[in-house]
Amino acid sequence: MSAPQASPAQNWRALYEAALLEFDPVKLLERIAEAEKAIAEEAVMLIRESGDRIERQKLEDAMQTLADLKRHRGSAA
């Protein structure tokens, strides 16, 4: 018996949180990329399903935060 799969919504949130909590600068960009991919996949699913506006806003906010994190990491290097 296999372990239950996380829903896409849980998956993007977990990856997003992992990126926010990553302190290793080498791993940070990898975690950001993983989170961005999961968020984009969730956004496509919401668009196809005419998903709710609040969830789309959460995805947009998360993507903006990741972009800011990448930008900040670049200026700190």
Protein backbone atom coordinates (compact mmCIF):
# COMPACT_ATOMS: atom_id res chain seq x y z
CA MET A 1 0.00 0.00 0.00
CA SER A 2 1.45 3.37 -0.99
CA ALA A 3 1.41 6.56 1.03
CA PRO A 4 -1.39 9.00 0.21
CA GLN A 5 -0.42 11.72 -2.24
CA ALA A 6 -0.54 15.33 -1.09
CA SER A 7 -3.04 17.47 -2.91
CA PRO A 8 -1.54 20.03 -5.31
CA ALA A 9 -2.58 22.81 -2.94
CA GLN A 10 -0.74 21.16 -0.06
CA ASN A 11 2.24 20.48 -2.31
CA TRP A 12 2.79 24.08 -3.44
CA ARG A 13 2.35 25.37 0.09
CA ALA A 14 4.87 22.89 1.50
CA LEU A 15 7.40 23.73 -1.22
CA TYR A 16 6.78 27.47 -0.73
CA GLU A 17 7.34 27.19 3.02
CA ALA A 18 10.50 25.13 2.46
CA ALA A 19 11.87 27.89 0.22
CA LEU A 20 11.05 30.57 2.79
CA LEU A 21 12.78 28.60 5.54
CA GLU A 22 15.90 27.63 3.56
CA PHE A 23 19.09 29.16 4.92
CA ASP A 24 21.59 27.40 2.66
CA PRO A 25 22.20 29.81 -0.25
CA VAL A 26 23.14 26.92 -2.54
CA LYS A 27 19.84 25.13 -1.92
CA LEU A 28 17.71 28.28 -1.83
CA LEU A 29 17.46 28.80 -5.59
CA GLU A 30 16.60 25.12 -6.06
CA ARG A 31 13.83 25.33 -3.47
CA ILE A 32 12.50 28.54 -5.03
CA ALA A 33 12.42 26.89 -8.47
CA GLU A 34 10.55 23.88 -7.09
CA ALA A 35 8.00 26.12 -5.38
CA GLU A 36 7.54 28.30 -8.47
CA LYS A 37 6.89 25.22 -10.61
CA ALA A 38 4.30 23.86 -8.17
CA ILE A 39 2.60 27.26 -7.89
CA ALA A 40 2.45 27.59 -11.68
CA GLU A 41 0.92 24.11 -11.97
CA GLU A 42 -1.68 24.98 -9.34
CA ALA A 43 -2.47 28.25 -11.13
CA VAL A 44 -3.07 26.42 -14.41
CA MET A 45 -5.41 24.02 -12.63
CA LEU A 46 -7.33 26.90 -11.07
CA ILE A 47 -7.68 28.64 -14.41
CA ARG A 48 -9.01 25.46 -16.02
CA GLU A 49 -11.51 24.98 -13.20
CA SER A 50 -12.41 28.67 -12.92
CA GLY A 51 -11.02 28.48 -9.40
CA ASP A 52 -11.77 30.98 -6.72
CA ARG A 53 -10.26 34.44 -6.75
CA ILE A 54 -8.90 34.20 -3.22
CA GLU A 55 -6.80 31.13 -4.02
CA ARG A 56 -5.49 32.79 -7.20
CA GLN A 57 -4.49 35.81 -5.11
CA LYS A 58 -2.61 33.55 -2.69
CA LEU A 59 -0.70 32.05 -5.62
CA GLU A 60 0.14 35.50 -7.00
CA ASP A 61 1.32 36.66 -3.58
CA ALA A 62 3.48 33.56 -3.15
CA MET A 63 5.08 34.04 -6.57
CA GLN A 64 5.82 37.68 -5.77
CA THR A 65 7.38 36.74 -2.44
CA LEU A 66 9.60 34.15 -4.15
CA ALA A 67 10.65 36.74 -6.76
CA ASP A 68 11.53 39.17 -3.95
CA LEU A 69 13.48 36.44 -2.15
CA LYS A 70 15.49 35.69 -5.31
CA ARG A 71 16.17 39.38 -5.84
CA HIS A 72 17.25 39.84 -2.23
CA ARG A 73 19.49 36.78 -2.38
CA GLY A 74 21.16 38.19 -5.51
CA SER A 75 21.91 41.49 -3.82
CA ALA A 76 23.29 39.76 -0.72
CA ALA A 77 25.71 37.57 -2.65
